[in-house]
Amino acid sequence: MSQVQYKQRLLDLERDLVARMAREADLGREQTHQGVGDFGDAGVAEEDASADFNETERDSAMLRQVQDALRRIEAGTFGLCTVDGKPIEAERLAASPWVPYCLEHQTLLEADAGHRFPTL
């Protein structure tokens, strides 16, 4: 896949995430404005709000990763591990073009969640 194709894929994903986050925010505002009838309704509304918040958080994190990948394309470092500058595996990029690490460093990061890699 070419850089142009990756960029278009990332731009499409960015657009979709922004639209979904806007819909989620609208839904959250609607739920807030609807009155709560009783304690049971309040519990359900709170559960729904919590689920919406978690989904929005995941979308926000994904959006940051996508935007970081777009910046790497502009900087000419897309497809290179941000730890050591070596190429990220083609299969890995094809599956998740927003990833900043090669498989080796991603595995190390997951094994030691408290460890932070310096970026190039």
N, C-alpha and C. Protein backbone atom coordinates (compact mmCIF):
# COMPACT_ATOMS: atom_id res chain seq x y z
N MET A 1 0.85 -1.17 0.00
CA MET A 1 0.00 0.00 0.00
C MET A 1 0.90 1.24 0.00
N SER A 2 0.54 2.24 -0.75
CA SER A 2 1.36 3.45 -0.85
C SER A 2 1.03 4.44 0.26
N GLN A 3 1.93 5.40 0.45
CA GLN A 3 1.71 6.44 1.46
C GLN A 3 0.40 7.20 1.18
N VAL A 4 0.12 7.43 -0.10
CA VAL A 4 -1.11 8.14 -0.47
C VAL A 4 -2.33 7.32 -0.03
N GLN A 5 -2.28 6.02 -0.23
CA GLN A 5 -3.40 5.16 0.18
C GLN A 5 -3.55 5.13 1.70
N TYR A 6 -2.41 5.06 2.41
CA TYR A 6 -2.47 5.10 3.87
C TYR A 6 -3.05 6.43 4.34
N LYS A 7 -2.61 7.51 3.73
CA LYS A 7 -3.10 8.83 4.12
C LYS A 7 -4.61 8.92 3.91
N GLN A 8 -5.10 8.45 2.77
CA GLN A 8 -6.53 8.51 2.51
C GLN A 8 -7.31 7.65 3.51
N ARG A 9 -6.77 6.49 3.80
CA ARG A 9 -7.43 5.61 4.78
C ARG A 9 -7.49 6.27 6.15
N LEU A 10 -6.40 6.90 6.55
CA LEU A 10 -6.36 7.59 7.84
C LEU A 10 -7.30 8.80 7.85
N LEU A 11 -7.34 9.55 6.76
CA LEU A 11 -8.25 10.71 6.67
C LEU A 11 -9.71 10.25 6.76
N ASP A 12 -10.04 9.16 6.10
CA ASP A 12 -11.40 8.61 6.17
C ASP A 12 -11.75 8.19 7.60
N LEU A 13 -10.80 7.53 8.26
CA LEU A 13 -11.02 7.10 9.63
C LEU A 13 -11.16 8.31 10.56
N GLU A 14 -10.34 9.32 10.35
CA GLU A 14 -10.44 10.54 11.15
C GLU A 14 -11.83 11.16 11.00
N ARG A 15 -12.30 11.27 9.77
CA ARG A 15 -13.63 11.84 9.51
C ARG A 15 -14.71 11.03 10.21
N ASP A 16 -14.62 9.69 10.11
CA ASP A 16 -15.62 8.83 10.74
C ASP A 16 -15.61 8.96 12.26
N LEU A 17 -14.43 9.03 12.84
CA LEU A 17 -14.33 9.16 14.30
C LEU A 17 -14.89 10.49 14.78
N VAL A 18 -14.57 11.56 14.08
CA VAL A 18 -15.09 12.88 14.46
C VAL A 18 -16.62 12.89 14.38
N ALA A 19 -17.17 12.32 13.32
CA ALA A 19 -18.63 12.27 13.16
C ALA A 19 -19.26 11.43 14.26
N ARG A 20 -18.66 10.28 14.57
CA ARG A 20 -19.21 9.41 15.61
C ARG A 20 -19.15 10.09 16.97
N MET A 21 -18.06 10.80 17.26
CA MET A 21 -17.94 11.49 18.53
C MET A 21 -18.97 12.61 18.64
N ALA A 22 -19.26 13.28 17.54
CA ALA A 22 -20.28 14.33 17.55
C ALA A 22 -21.66 13.72 17.82
N ARG A 23 -21.94 12.57 17.18
CA ARG A 23 -23.23 11.89 17.43
C ARG A 23 -23.34 11.46 18.89
N GLU A 24 -22.25 10.93 19.44
CA GLU A 24 -22.25 10.49 20.83
C GLU A 24 -22.48 11.67 21.77
N ALA A 25 -21.86 12.80 21.47
CA ALA A 25 -22.04 13.99 22.30
C ALA A 25 -23.49 14.46 22.23
N ASP A 26 -24.08 14.44 21.04
CA ASP A 26 -25.49 14.82 20.90
C ASP A 26 -26.39 13.89 21.69
N LEU A 27 -26.11 12.60 21.61
CA LEU A 27 -26.90 11.61 22.33
C LEU A 27 -26.78 11.83 23.84
N GLY A 28 -25.59 12.11 24.29
CA GLY A 28 -25.36 12.38 25.72
C GLY A 28 -26.12 13.60 26.18
N ARG A 29 -26.16 14.65 25.35
CA ARG A 29 -26.91 15.86 25.71
C ARG A 29 -28.41 15.55 25.76
N GLU A 30 -28.88 14.74 24.81
CA GLU A 30 -30.30 14.36 24.80
C GLU A 30 -30.65 13.61 26.07
N GLN A 31 -29.80 12.68 26.47
CA GLN A 31 -30.07 11.89 27.67
C GLN A 31 -30.06 12.77 28.91
N THR A 32 -29.19 13.77 28.93
CA THR A 32 -29.11 14.67 30.06
C THR A 32 -30.37 15.52 30.16
N HIS A 33 -30.90 15.94 29.03
CA HIS A 33 -32.07 16.81 29.02
C HIS A 33 -33.38 16.07 29.28
N GLN A 34 -33.38 14.76 29.07
CA GLN A 34 -34.59 13.99 29.34
C GLN A 34 -34.73 13.82 30.85
N GLY A 35 -35.92 13.98 31.32
CA GLY A 35 -36.17 13.85 32.75
C GLY A 35 -36.04 12.40 33.20
N VAL A 36 -35.69 12.22 34.45
CA VAL A 36 -35.59 10.89 35.03
C VAL A 36 -36.83 10.69 35.89
N GLY A 37 -37.57 9.60 35.63
CA GLY A 37 -38.83 9.35 36.32
C GLY A 37 -38.68 8.82 37.73
N ASP A 38 -37.79 7.88 37.95
CA ASP A 38 -37.62 7.29 39.27
C ASP A 38 -36.18 6.80 39.43
N PHE A 39 -35.91 6.16 40.58
CA PHE A 39 -34.55 5.70 40.84
C PHE A 39 -34.08 4.67 39.82
N GLY A 40 -34.97 3.81 39.37
CA GLY A 40 -34.61 2.83 38.34
C GLY A 40 -34.20 3.50 37.05
N ASP A 41 -34.98 4.51 36.65
CA ASP A 41 -34.64 5.27 35.44
C ASP A 41 -33.30 5.98 35.61
N ALA A 42 -33.08 6.51 36.81
CA ALA A 42 -31.81 7.21 37.07
C ALA A 42 -30.64 6.26 36.94
N GLY A 43 -30.81 5.01 37.44
CA GLY A 43 -29.73 4.02 37.34
C GLY A 43 -29.43 3.65 35.91
N VAL A 44 -30.48 3.46 35.12
CA VAL A 44 -30.30 3.13 33.71
C VAL A 44 -29.64 4.29 32.98
N ALA A 45 -30.09 5.52 33.26
CA ALA A 45 -29.51 6.69 32.62
C ALA A 45 -28.03 6.83 32.96
N GLU A 46 -27.69 6.55 34.22
CA GLU A 46 -26.29 6.64 34.64
C GLU A 46 -25.44 5.58 33.95
N GLU A 47 -25.98 4.36 33.82
CA GLU A 47 -25.28 3.29 33.13
C GLU A 47 -25.05 3.63 31.65
N ASP A 48 -26.08 4.17 31.01
CA ASP A 48 -25.97 4.57 29.60
C ASP A 48 -24.92 5.67 29.44
N ALA A 49 -24.95 6.64 30.35
CA ALA A 49 -23.98 7.74 30.27
C ALA A 49 -22.57 7.22 30.44
N SER A 50 -22.38 6.25 31.35
CA SER A 50 -21.06 5.68 31.57
C SER A 50 -20.57 4.94 30.33
N ALA A 51 -21.45 4.18 29.70
CA ALA A 51 -21.07 3.45 28.48
C ALA A 51 -20.73 4.43 27.36
N ASP A 52 -21.53 5.49 27.23
CA ASP A 52 -21.25 6.51 26.21
C ASP A 52 -19.91 7.17 26.46
N PHE A 53 -19.62 7.46 27.73
CA PHE A 53 -18.34 8.08 28.08
C PHE A 53 -17.18 7.17 27.71
N ASN A 54 -17.29 5.88 28.03
CA ASN A 54 -16.22 4.93 27.71
C ASN A 54 -15.99 4.84 26.21
N GLU A 55 -17.07 4.82 25.44
CA GLU A 55 -16.94 4.75 23.99
C GLU A 55 -16.31 6.04 23.44
N THR A 56 -16.70 7.16 23.99
CA THR A 56 -16.13 8.44 23.56
C THR A 56 -14.65 8.49 23.89
N GLU A 57 -14.26 7.98 25.04
CA GLU A 57 -12.84 7.94 25.42
C GLU A 57 -12.04 7.09 24.45
N ARG A 58 -12.58 5.93 24.08
CA ARG A 58 -11.89 5.05 23.12
C ARG A 58 -11.76 5.74 21.76
N ASP A 59 -12.85 6.38 21.33
CA ASP A 59 -12.81 7.09 20.05
C ASP A 59 -11.81 8.24 20.09
N SER A 60 -11.77 8.95 21.20
CA SER A 60 -10.83 10.06 21.34
C SER A 60 -9.38 9.58 21.29
N ALA A 61 -9.10 8.47 21.96
CA ALA A 61 -7.74 7.90 21.94
C ALA A 61 -7.38 7.46 20.52
N MET A 62 -8.32 6.82 19.84
CA MET A 62 -8.07 6.38 18.46
C MET A 62 -7.86 7.59 17.55
N LEU A 63 -8.65 8.64 17.74
CA LEU A 63 -8.50 9.84 16.93
C LEU A 63 -7.11 10.45 17.12
N ARG A 64 -6.62 10.48 18.34
CA ARG A 64 -5.26 11.00 18.59
C ARG A 64 -4.22 10.16 17.85
N GLN A 65 -4.38 8.84 17.87
CA GLN A 65 -3.44 7.96 17.18
C GLN A 65 -3.48 8.19 15.67
N VAL A 66 -4.67 8.34 15.14
CA VAL A 66 -4.83 8.58 13.70
C VAL A 66 -4.19 9.91 13.32
N GLN A 67 -4.44 10.95 14.11
CA GLN A 67 -3.86 12.27 13.82
C GLN A 67 -2.34 12.25 13.97
N ASP A 68 -1.84 11.50 14.92
CA ASP A 68 -0.38 11.35 15.05
C ASP A 68 0.20 10.67 13.81
N ALA A 69 -0.49 9.65 13.31
CA ALA A 69 -0.02 8.95 12.10
C ALA A 69 -0.03 9.90 10.90
N LEU A 70 -1.05 10.75 10.80
CA LEU A 70 -1.09 11.73 9.70
C LEU A 70 0.07 12.71 9.81
N ARG A 71 0.41 13.10 11.03
CA ARG A 71 1.57 13.99 11.22
C ARG A 71 2.87 13.28 10.82
N ARG A 72 2.96 11.98 11.10
CA ARG A 72 4.15 11.23 10.69
C ARG A 72 4.24 11.14 9.18
N ILE A 73 3.11 11.04 8.50
CA ILE A 73 3.13 11.05 7.04
C ILE A 73 3.70 12.38 6.55
N GLU A 74 3.22 13.47 7.10
CA GLU A 74 3.70 14.80 6.70
C GLU A 74 5.18 15.00 7.02
N ALA A 75 5.62 14.40 8.11
CA ALA A 75 7.02 14.54 8.52
C ALA A 75 7.96 13.58 7.79
N GLY A 76 7.37 12.63 7.06
CA GLY A 76 8.19 11.66 6.35
C GLY A 76 8.67 10.50 7.20
N THR A 77 8.05 10.31 8.38
CA THR A 77 8.48 9.23 9.26
C THR A 77 7.41 8.14 9.39
N PHE A 78 6.37 8.23 8.60
CA PHE A 78 5.30 7.22 8.66
C PHE A 78 5.87 5.86 8.28
N GLY A 79 5.45 4.83 9.02
CA GLY A 79 5.90 3.48 8.74
C GLY A 79 7.21 3.12 9.42
N LEU A 80 7.74 4.08 10.19
CA LEU A 80 8.97 3.82 10.94
C LEU A 80 8.65 3.80 12.43
N CYS A 81 9.21 2.85 13.13
CA CYS A 81 9.01 2.73 14.57
C CYS A 81 9.50 4.01 15.26
N THR A 82 8.68 4.56 16.13
CA THR A 82 9.08 5.80 16.81
C THR A 82 10.11 5.56 17.90
N VAL A 83 10.42 4.29 18.20
CA VAL A 83 11.45 3.98 19.18
C VAL A 83 12.83 3.94 18.52
N ASP A 84 12.95 3.16 17.45
CA ASP A 84 14.29 2.99 16.87
C ASP A 84 14.39 3.41 15.40
N GLY A 85 13.30 3.86 14.80
CA GLY A 85 13.34 4.33 13.42
C GLY A 85 13.38 3.25 12.36
N LYS A 86 13.27 1.99 12.77
CA LYS A 86 13.28 0.89 11.81
C LYS A 86 11.87 0.72 11.24
N PRO A 87 11.76 0.13 10.05
CA PRO A 87 10.44 -0.03 9.43
C PRO A 87 9.48 -0.88 10.27
N ILE A 88 8.22 -0.45 10.30
CA ILE A 88 7.15 -1.23 10.91
C ILE A 88 6.72 -2.27 9.87
N GLU A 89 6.42 -3.46 10.32
CA GLU A 89 6.04 -4.55 9.44
C GLU A 89 4.86 -4.15 8.55
N ALA A 90 4.94 -4.48 7.25
CA ALA A 90 3.91 -4.10 6.28
C ALA A 90 2.54 -4.64 6.68
N GLU A 91 2.50 -5.88 7.16
CA GLU A 91 1.22 -6.48 7.56
C GLU A 91 0.61 -5.72 8.73
N ARG A 92 1.46 -5.26 9.63
CA ARG A 92 1.00 -4.51 10.81
C ARG A 92 0.42 -3.16 10.37
N LEU A 93 1.11 -2.49 9.47
CA LEU A 93 0.61 -1.20 8.97
C LEU A 93 -0.68 -1.38 8.18
N ALA A 94 -0.77 -2.45 7.41
CA ALA A 94 -1.98 -2.70 6.62
C ALA A 94 -3.18 -2.91 7.54
N ALA A 95 -2.96 -3.59 8.65
CA ALA A 95 -4.05 -3.86 9.60
C ALA A 95 -4.40 -2.63 10.43
N SER A 96 -3.40 -1.87 10.85
CA SER A 96 -3.59 -0.72 11.73
C SER A 96 -2.60 0.38 11.35
N PRO A 97 -2.92 1.19 10.36
CA PRO A 97 -1.94 2.17 9.88
C PRO A 97 -1.59 3.27 10.87
N TRP A 98 -2.25 3.34 11.99
CA TRP A 98 -1.97 4.37 12.98
C TRP A 98 -0.90 3.94 13.99
N VAL A 99 -0.45 2.68 13.94
CA VAL A 99 0.49 2.20 14.96
C VAL A 99 1.83 2.93 14.86
N PRO A 100 2.40 3.31 16.02
CA PRO A 100 3.69 4.00 16.01
C PRO A 100 4.89 3.10 16.24
N TYR A 101 4.64 1.83 16.59
CA TYR A 101 5.73 0.94 16.96
C TYR A 101 5.76 -0.31 16.09
N CYS A 102 6.95 -0.86 15.91
CA CYS A 102 7.08 -2.17 15.29
C CYS A 102 6.56 -3.21 16.29
N LEU A 103 6.37 -4.41 15.83
CA LEU A 103 5.82 -5.46 16.69
C LEU A 103 6.70 -5.71 17.91
N GLU A 104 8.01 -5.70 17.71
CA GLU A 104 8.93 -5.94 18.83
C GLU A 104 8.72 -4.93 19.95
N HIS A 105 8.68 -3.65 19.59
CA HIS A 105 8.54 -2.62 20.63
C HIS A 105 7.12 -2.56 21.19
N GLN A 106 6.12 -2.87 20.39
CA GLN A 106 4.76 -2.93 20.91
C GLN A 106 4.64 -4.04 21.94
N THR A 107 5.26 -5.19 21.65
CA THR A 107 5.24 -6.32 22.59
C THR A 107 5.94 -5.94 23.89
N LEU A 108 7.08 -5.29 23.78
CA LEU A 108 7.80 -4.85 24.98
C LEU A 108 6.97 -3.84 25.77
N LEU A 109 6.31 -2.95 25.09
CA LEU A 109 5.48 -1.94 25.74
C LEU A 109 4.33 -2.60 26.50
N GLU A 110 3.69 -3.57 25.87
CA GLU A 110 2.58 -4.26 26.53
C GLU A 110 3.05 -5.10 27.70
N ALA A 111 4.26 -5.67 27.60
CA ALA A 111 4.81 -6.48 28.68
C ALA A 111 5.18 -5.63 29.89
N ASP A 112 5.55 -4.41 29.63
CA ASP A 112 5.96 -3.49 30.70
C ASP A 112 5.18 -2.20 30.55
N ALA A 113 3.90 -2.24 30.89
CA ALA A 113 2.99 -1.11 30.65
C ALA A 113 3.48 0.19 31.30
N GLY A 114 4.27 0.12 32.34
CA GLY A 114 4.76 1.32 32.99
C GLY A 114 5.96 1.93 32.32
N HIS A 115 6.57 1.22 31.37
CA HIS A 115 7.77 1.69 30.70
C HIS A 115 7.40 2.57 29.51
N ARG A 116 8.03 3.71 29.40
CA ARG A 116 7.77 4.62 28.26
C ARG A 116 9.00 4.64 27.36
N PHE A 117 8.77 4.54 26.05
CA PHE A 117 9.85 4.62 25.10
C PHE A 117 10.08 6.07 24.71
N PRO A 118 11.31 6.47 24.54
CA PRO A 118 11.56 7.80 23.99
C PRO A 118 11.14 7.80 22.53
N THR A 119 10.72 8.93 22.05
CA THR A 119 10.34 9.01 20.63
C THR A 119 11.43 9.73 19.87
N LEU A 120 11.51 9.42 18.60
CA LEU A 120 12.52 10.04 17.74
C LEU A 120 12.15 11.47 17.45
